[in-house]
Structure formats: C-alpha cells, structure tokens
Amino acid sequence: MGKQLMKDRYYVQILTVQVFLVRECISTDGEPARGDRLVKAFDIRHDADLYANEVNQKQRMLDEQYGHWTRQAAQQPV
C-alpha cells in the first residue's frame, strides 16, 4: 500500500466577512496551521473557493506525476 495523499493541500481561510485567504497547508498531517503559506487573497468567497479547487486539482495531478510534495501547483509571484 502506497502513501495516502492528503485530500486538499490548498484551503480557504475566512479572515473577515470580506477577506478570504487561500493558503497552502504545509504540515504533513494535513491540518491547517499558523505557518501555512498565504497564496492569494480574495474579497469574494466564491472566487476563493474556485481558485482553491483549481489549484488542488492541479496539485493532485502533480503529486501523481512527480510524487507527493515535490511540486507546488500555486507558485509564488515573481
């Protein structure tokens, strides 16, 4: 039996009523933590959810192709 992959690496954190953050979970247990990387901020929850779903789908494909935690779907801005 191989490693079980975490379901979703990217998640939406509700910061305020109008601020929604997409964060990358960095812990191996899959639980959100204070040190999780901020990926992108949104002012509309629906947009944040769509973005998180899109990068999670890309992440699952990268994990299957290259191995778990070897690539990031959401890259930091240059």
Protein backbone atom coordinates (compact mmCIF):
# COMPACT_ATOMS: atom_id res chain seq x y z
CA MET A 1 0.00 0.00 0.00
CA GLY A 2 1.46 3.37 -1.06
CA LYS A 3 1.39 6.71 0.73
CA GLN A 4 -2.04 8.17 1.16
CA LEU A 5 -2.14 11.65 -0.35
CA MET A 6 -3.72 14.49 1.56
CA LYS A 7 -7.12 15.34 0.11
CA ASP A 8 -6.65 19.10 -0.27
CA ARG A 9 -3.36 20.94 0.07
CA TYR A 10 -4.92 24.38 -0.51
CA TYR A 11 -7.79 25.70 1.58
CA VAL A 12 -9.81 28.88 2.14
CA GLN A 13 -9.41 30.70 5.43
CA ILE A 14 -12.09 33.25 6.31
CA LEU A 15 -10.19 36.20 7.74
CA THR A 16 -13.10 38.67 7.96
CA VAL A 17 -16.56 38.99 6.44
CA GLN A 18 -14.95 40.41 3.29
CA VAL A 19 -11.47 38.85 3.23
CA PHE A 20 -10.86 35.24 2.21
CA LEU A 21 -7.36 33.79 2.05
CA VAL A 22 -6.24 30.77 0.04
CA ARG A 23 -3.47 29.09 1.99
CA GLU A 24 -1.20 26.11 1.34
CA CYS A 25 -1.18 23.54 4.11
CA ILE A 26 2.45 22.75 4.91
CA SER A 27 2.02 20.17 7.67
CA THR A 28 2.28 16.51 6.78
CA ASP A 29 -0.78 15.66 8.89
CA GLY A 30 -2.97 17.79 6.61
CA GLU A 31 -4.20 20.10 9.35
CA PRO A 32 -4.21 23.90 8.90
CA ALA A 33 -1.52 25.67 10.93
CA ARG A 34 -0.34 29.21 11.65
CA GLY A 35 2.68 28.86 9.39
CA ASP A 36 0.74 27.84 6.28
CA ARG A 37 1.80 29.82 3.23
CA LEU A 38 -0.53 32.58 2.04
CA VAL A 39 -1.18 32.01 -1.65
CA LYS A 40 -3.77 34.59 -2.63
CA ALA A 41 -6.39 36.90 -1.06
CA PHE A 42 -9.94 37.40 -2.33
CA ASP A 43 -12.85 39.65 -1.40
CA ILE A 44 -15.46 37.19 -2.69
CA ARG A 45 -15.76 33.74 -1.06
CA HIS A 46 -16.91 32.06 -4.28
CA ASP A 47 -13.78 33.23 -6.13
CA ALA A 48 -11.55 31.95 -3.34
CA ASP A 49 -13.31 28.56 -3.39
CA LEU A 50 -12.96 28.29 -7.19
CA TYR A 51 -9.25 29.15 -7.03
CA ALA A 52 -8.59 26.68 -4.19
CA ASN A 53 -10.43 23.92 -6.08
CA GLU A 54 -8.45 24.65 -9.26
CA VAL A 55 -5.03 24.55 -7.57
CA ASN A 56 -5.99 21.42 -5.60
CA GLN A 57 -6.88 19.68 -8.86
CA LYS A 58 -3.54 20.74 -10.38
CA GLN A 59 -1.76 19.63 -7.20
CA ARG A 60 -3.27 16.14 -7.36
CA MET A 61 -2.05 15.79 -10.96
CA LEU A 62 1.46 16.98 -9.98
CA ASP A 63 1.53 14.60 -7.00
CA GLU A 64 0.58 11.67 -9.23
CA GLN A 65 3.18 12.60 -11.84
CA TYR A 66 6.13 13.68 -9.67
CA GLY A 67 5.40 12.39 -6.19
CA HIS A 68 3.79 13.92 -3.15
CA TRP A 69 5.10 17.34 -2.04
CA THR A 70 7.72 17.62 -4.79
CA ARG A 71 5.99 20.39 -6.77
CA GLN A 72 3.63 23.27 -5.94
CA ALA A 73 0.54 23.99 -8.04
CA ALA A 74 0.31 27.57 -6.81
CA GLN A 75 3.65 29.25 -7.37
CA GLN A 76 4.72 32.37 -5.55
CA PRO A 77 4.57 35.56 -7.64
CA VAL A 78 7.88 36.60 -9.14
